[in-house]
Amino acid sequence: MDELDKAVGHAFGLEVDGVVIKQINEVSGLKMEQDVIELKQNTSDGKYVIKKLPGRPKAGEVTLTRGLTGDNSFEKWVQAAQFGKMADARKGGAIIVYDYEGAAIKRYKLTNAWPKSLEIGALKAGDTSVLTEKIVITYERMEVE
């Protein structure tokens, strides 16, 4: 890709345990964050200064939205977490951004991710809009690959 070209996220996917779900319409909340520690001290010449230092990394949450399909992988994952089967629910995975040709251009690796909630879009009689399901995934750490 030319240096002046900007990446356009044409499509998104979720990879969990080597299985890729490519029909993701929207990804929000991807964030790497850490605490900030303020160190207050006096310099050798008597000036009061505040230095900011990096603290502990914070866990995060990401929200994925896709059109409602017959695929029940999200529901099974949520049920494992709801029934306390955290050994099954905690998974490693990645959010993948694809270009218009279907090539992966960026991967956001998630460590110890598990589903916090699953929400089905509004059901309205006579509505012609696409039904969606939204899953909120919490994770302990995110790395950019």
C-alpha atoms as a PDB file:
ATOM      1  CA  MET A   1       0.000   0.000   0.000  1.00  0.00           C
ATOM      2  CA  ASP A   2       1.341   3.419  -0.913  1.00  0.00           C
ATOM      3  CA  GLU A   3       2.336   5.639   2.028  1.00  0.00           C
ATOM      4  CA  LEU A   4      -0.288   8.203   1.062  1.00  0.00           C
ATOM      5  CA  ASP A   5      -3.101   5.648   0.940  1.00  0.00           C
ATOM      6  CA  LYS A   6      -5.161   5.228   4.061  1.00  0.00           C
ATOM      7  CA  ALA A   7      -6.562   1.891   5.123  1.00  0.00           C
ATOM      8  CA  VAL A   8     -10.294   1.533   4.654  1.00  0.00           C
ATOM      9  CA  GLY A   9     -11.945  -1.121   6.739  1.00  0.00           C
ATOM     10  CA  HIS A  10     -14.135  -2.817   4.156  1.00  0.00           C
ATOM     11  CA  ALA A  11     -15.074  -5.779   6.307  1.00  0.00           C
ATOM     12  CA  PHE A  12     -14.382  -7.116   9.775  1.00  0.00           C
ATOM     13  CA  GLY A  13     -14.067 -10.531  11.316  1.00  0.00           C
ATOM     14  CA  LEU A  14     -13.760 -12.216  14.677  1.00  0.00           C
ATOM     15  CA  GLU A  15     -11.374 -15.127  15.049  1.00  0.00           C
ATOM     16  CA  VAL A  16     -11.852 -17.340  18.094  1.00  0.00           C
ATOM     17  CA  ASP A  17     -10.059 -20.672  18.521  1.00  0.00           C
ATOM     18  CA  GLY A  18      -9.010 -20.613  14.875  1.00  0.00           C
ATOM     19  CA  VAL A  19     -12.593 -20.158  13.596  1.00  0.00           C
ATOM     20  CA  VAL A  20     -13.213 -16.899  11.721  1.00  0.00           C
ATOM     21  CA  ILE A  21     -16.634 -15.225  11.625  1.00  0.00           C
ATOM     22  CA  LYS A  22     -16.398 -12.736   8.732  1.00  0.00           C
ATOM     23  CA  GLN A  23     -19.915 -11.282   8.733  1.00  0.00           C
ATOM     24  CA  ILE A  24     -19.231  -8.556  11.322  1.00  0.00           C
ATOM     25  CA  ASN A  25     -20.851  -5.223  10.328  1.00  0.00           C
ATOM     26  CA  GLU A  26     -19.514  -2.968  13.079  1.00  0.00           C
ATOM     27  CA  VAL A  27     -16.753  -3.011  15.681  1.00  0.00           C
ATOM     28  CA  SER A  28     -16.618  -0.392  18.429  1.00  0.00           C
ATOM     29  CA  GLY A  29     -14.684   0.102  21.634  1.00  0.00           C
ATOM     30  CA  LEU A  30     -11.315  -1.332  20.591  1.00  0.00           C
ATOM     31  CA  LYS A  31      -8.989   0.426  22.972  1.00  0.00           C
ATOM     32  CA  MET A  32      -5.608  -0.057  24.591  1.00  0.00           C
ATOM     33  CA  GLU A  33      -5.443   1.869  27.853  1.00  0.00           C
ATOM     34  CA  GLN A  34      -3.402   1.986  31.031  1.00  0.00           C
ATOM     35  CA  ASP A  35      -3.449   3.807  34.333  1.00  0.00           C
ATOM     36  CA  VAL A  36      -1.405   6.966  34.810  1.00  0.00           C
ATOM     37  CA  ILE A  37       0.680   7.431  37.935  1.00  0.00           C
ATOM     38  CA  GLU A  38       1.473  10.976  39.034  1.00  0.00           C
ATOM     39  CA  LEU A  39       4.839  11.390  40.715  1.00  0.00           C
ATOM     40  CA  LYS A  40       5.000  14.683  42.615  1.00  0.00           C
ATOM     41  CA  GLN A  41       8.450  15.890  43.603  1.00  0.00           C
ATOM     42  CA  ASN A  42      10.745  18.860  44.027  1.00  0.00           C
ATOM     43  CA  THR A  43      13.716  19.321  41.736  1.00  0.00           C
ATOM     44  CA  SER A  44      17.229  20.058  43.027  1.00  0.00           C
ATOM     45  CA  ASP A  45      16.618  23.791  42.505  1.00  0.00           C
ATOM     46  CA  GLY A  46      13.382  23.698  44.549  1.00  0.00           C
ATOM     47  CA  LYS A  47      10.774  23.695  41.763  1.00  0.00           C
ATOM     48  CA  TYR A  48       7.676  21.589  42.269  1.00  0.00           C
ATOM     49  CA  VAL A  49       7.039  19.235  39.321  1.00  0.00           C
ATOM     50  CA  ILE A  50       4.599  16.501  38.483  1.00  0.00           C
ATOM     51  CA  LYS A  51       5.803  13.624  36.318  1.00  0.00           C
ATOM     52  CA  LYS A  52       3.379  11.218  34.744  1.00  0.00           C
ATOM     53  CA  LEU A  53       4.415   7.585  34.547  1.00  0.00           C
ATOM     54  CA  PRO A  54       2.748   4.580  32.918  1.00  0.00           C
ATOM     55  CA  GLY A  55       0.809   2.366  35.292  1.00  0.00           C
ATOM     56  CA  ARG A  56      -0.982  -0.955  34.988  1.00  0.00           C
ATOM     57  CA  PRO A  57      -2.717  -1.851  31.732  1.00  0.00           C
ATOM     58  CA  LYS A  58      -6.522  -1.783  31.878  1.00  0.00           C
ATOM     59  CA  ALA A  59      -8.815  -4.512  30.659  1.00  0.00           C
ATOM     60  CA  GLY A  60     -11.179  -3.520  27.875  1.00  0.00           C
ATOM     61  CA  GLU A  61     -14.438  -4.264  26.118  1.00  0.00           C
ATOM     62  CA  VAL A  62     -15.279  -4.406  22.433  1.00  0.00           C
ATOM     63  CA  THR A  63     -18.735  -4.495  20.848  1.00  0.00           C
ATOM     64  CA  LEU A  64     -19.358  -6.459  17.648  1.00  0.00           C
ATOM     65  CA  THR A  65     -22.524  -6.193  15.569  1.00  0.00           C
ATOM     66  CA  ARG A  66     -23.598  -8.538  12.798  1.00  0.00           C
ATOM     67  CA  GLY A  67     -26.748  -9.433  10.934  1.00  0.00           C
ATOM     68  CA  LEU A  68     -28.795 -12.147  12.620  1.00  0.00           C
ATOM     69  CA  THR A  69     -28.060 -15.544  11.043  1.00  0.00           C
ATOM     70  CA  GLY A  70     -28.656 -19.199  11.814  1.00  0.00           C
ATOM     71  CA  ASP A  71     -25.126 -19.398  13.250  1.00  0.00           C
ATOM     72  CA  ASN A  72     -25.424 -19.905  17.012  1.00  0.00           C
ATOM     73  CA  SER A  73     -21.735 -19.615  17.943  1.00  0.00           C
ATOM     74  CA  PHE A  74     -22.326 -16.360  19.863  1.00  0.00           C
ATOM     75  CA  GLU A  75     -25.171 -17.918  21.884  1.00  0.00           C
ATOM     76  CA  LYS A  76     -23.097 -20.981  22.825  1.00  0.00           C
ATOM     77  CA  TRP A  77     -20.206 -18.781  23.913  1.00  0.00           C
ATOM     78  CA  VAL A  78     -22.479 -16.594  26.058  1.00  0.00           C
ATOM     79  CA  GLN A  79     -24.088 -19.659  27.657  1.00  0.00           C
ATOM     80  CA  ALA A  80     -20.691 -21.043  28.660  1.00  0.00           C
ATOM     81  CA  ALA A  81     -19.955 -17.784  30.496  1.00  0.00           C
ATOM     82  CA  GLN A  82     -23.425 -17.566  32.079  1.00  0.00           C
ATOM     83  CA  PHE A  83     -23.185 -21.084  33.478  1.00  0.00           C
ATOM     84  CA  GLY A  84     -19.772 -20.340  34.997  1.00  0.00           C
ATOM     85  CA  LYS A  85     -17.801 -22.550  32.616  1.00  0.00           C
ATOM     86  CA  MET A  86     -15.057 -19.941  32.405  1.00  0.00           C
ATOM     87  CA  ALA A  87     -12.442 -22.459  31.292  1.00  0.00           C
ATOM     88  CA  ASP A  88     -14.571 -22.879  28.151  1.00  0.00           C
ATOM     89  CA  ALA A  89     -15.665 -19.237  27.911  1.00  0.00           C
ATOM     90  CA  ARG A  90     -12.234 -17.553  28.172  1.00  0.00           C
ATOM     91  CA  LYS A  91     -10.681 -17.660  24.746  1.00  0.00           C
ATOM     92  CA  GLY A  92      -7.890 -16.132  22.763  1.00  0.00           C
ATOM     93  CA  GLY A  93      -8.893 -14.453  19.556  1.00  0.00           C
ATOM     94  CA  ALA A  94      -8.542 -11.485  17.288  1.00  0.00           C
ATOM     95  CA  ILE A  95     -10.539  -8.772  15.584  1.00  0.00           C
ATOM     96  CA  ILE A  96      -9.465  -8.689  11.936  1.00  0.00           C
ATOM     97  CA  VAL A  97      -9.849  -5.751   9.541  1.00  0.00           C
ATOM     98  CA  TYR A  98     -10.053  -6.699   5.844  1.00  0.00           C
ATOM     99  CA  ASP A  99      -9.504  -4.520   2.786  1.00  0.00           C
ATOM    100  CA  TYR A 100     -11.855  -4.489  -0.227  1.00  0.00           C
ATOM    101  CA  GLU A 101     -10.039  -7.503  -1.734  1.00  0.00           C
ATOM    102  CA  GLY A 102     -10.527  -9.600   1.400  1.00  0.00           C
ATOM    103  CA  ALA A 103      -6.910  -9.442   2.582  1.00  0.00           C
ATOM    104  CA  ALA A 104      -6.331  -8.923   6.307  1.00  0.00           C
ATOM    105  CA  ILE A 105      -4.730  -5.512   6.883  1.00  0.00           C
ATOM    106  CA  LYS A 106      -4.779  -5.375  10.691  1.00  0.00           C
ATOM    107  CA  ARG A 107      -5.267  -7.825  13.573  1.00  0.00           C
ATOM    108  CA  TYR A 108      -6.121  -6.885  17.149  1.00  0.00           C
ATOM    109  CA  LYS A 109      -5.258  -9.876  19.330  1.00  0.00           C
ATOM    110  CA  LEU A 110      -7.441 -10.338  22.426  1.00  0.00           C
ATOM    111  CA  THR A 111      -6.225 -12.305  25.449  1.00  0.00           C
ATOM    112  CA  ASN A 112      -8.641 -14.131  27.782  1.00  0.00           C
ATOM    113  CA  ALA A 113     -11.717 -12.765  26.036  1.00  0.00           C
ATOM    114  CA  TRP A 114     -15.221 -13.797  27.047  1.00  0.00           C
ATOM    115  CA  PRO A 115     -18.727 -12.551  26.218  1.00  0.00           C
ATOM    116  CA  LYS A 116     -20.295 -10.148  28.673  1.00  0.00           C
ATOM    117  CA  SER A 117     -23.626  -9.770  26.886  1.00  0.00           C
ATOM    118  CA  LEU A 118     -25.580 -10.601  23.755  1.00  0.00           C
ATOM    119  CA  GLU A 119     -28.324  -8.292  22.510  1.00  0.00           C
ATOM    120  CA  ILE A 120     -30.769  -8.944  19.675  1.00  0.00           C
ATOM    121  CA  GLY A 121     -31.949  -5.857  17.756  1.00  0.00           C
ATOM    122  CA  ALA A 122     -35.529  -4.624  18.031  1.00  0.00           C
ATOM    123  CA  LEU A 123     -38.160  -6.979  16.652  1.00  0.00           C
ATOM    124  CA  LYS A 124     -40.892  -4.986  14.886  1.00  0.00           C
ATOM    125  CA  ALA A 125     -43.716  -6.489  12.877  1.00  0.00           C
ATOM    126  CA  GLY A 126     -43.668  -5.277   9.280  1.00  0.00           C
ATOM    127  CA  ASP A 127     -40.180  -3.762   9.572  1.00  0.00           C
ATOM    128  CA  THR A 128     -37.896  -4.390   6.594  1.00  0.00           C
ATOM    129  CA  SER A 129     -34.584  -3.601   8.262  1.00  0.00           C
ATOM    130  CA  VAL A 130     -32.011  -6.294   8.926  1.00  0.00           C
ATOM    131  CA  LEU A 131     -32.175  -7.913  12.353  1.00  0.00           C
ATOM    132  CA  THR A 132     -28.886  -7.676  14.210  1.00  0.00           C
ATOM    133  CA  GLU A 133     -27.171  -9.256  17.152  1.00  0.00           C
ATOM    134  CA  LYS A 134     -24.654  -7.363  19.227  1.00  0.00           C
ATOM    135  CA  ILE A 135     -22.115  -9.097  21.444  1.00  0.00           C
ATOM    136  CA  VAL A 136     -19.984  -7.309  24.036  1.00  0.00           C
ATOM    137  CA  ILE A 137     -16.689  -9.066  24.663  1.00  0.00           C
ATOM    138  CA  THR A 138     -14.481  -8.237  27.616  1.00  0.00           C
ATOM    139  CA  TYR A 139     -10.774  -8.980  27.422  1.00  0.00           C
ATOM    140  CA  GLU A 140      -7.747  -8.744  29.690  1.00  0.00           C
ATOM    141  CA  ARG A 141      -5.269  -7.502  27.118  1.00  0.00           C
ATOM    142  CA  MET A 142      -5.152  -6.306  23.525  1.00  0.00           C
ATOM    143  CA  GLU A 143      -2.133  -6.313  21.209  1.00  0.00           C
ATOM    144  CA  VAL A 144      -1.863  -5.035  17.660  1.00  0.00           C
ATOM    145  CA  GLU A 145      -0.341  -7.613  15.313  1.00  0.00           C
END
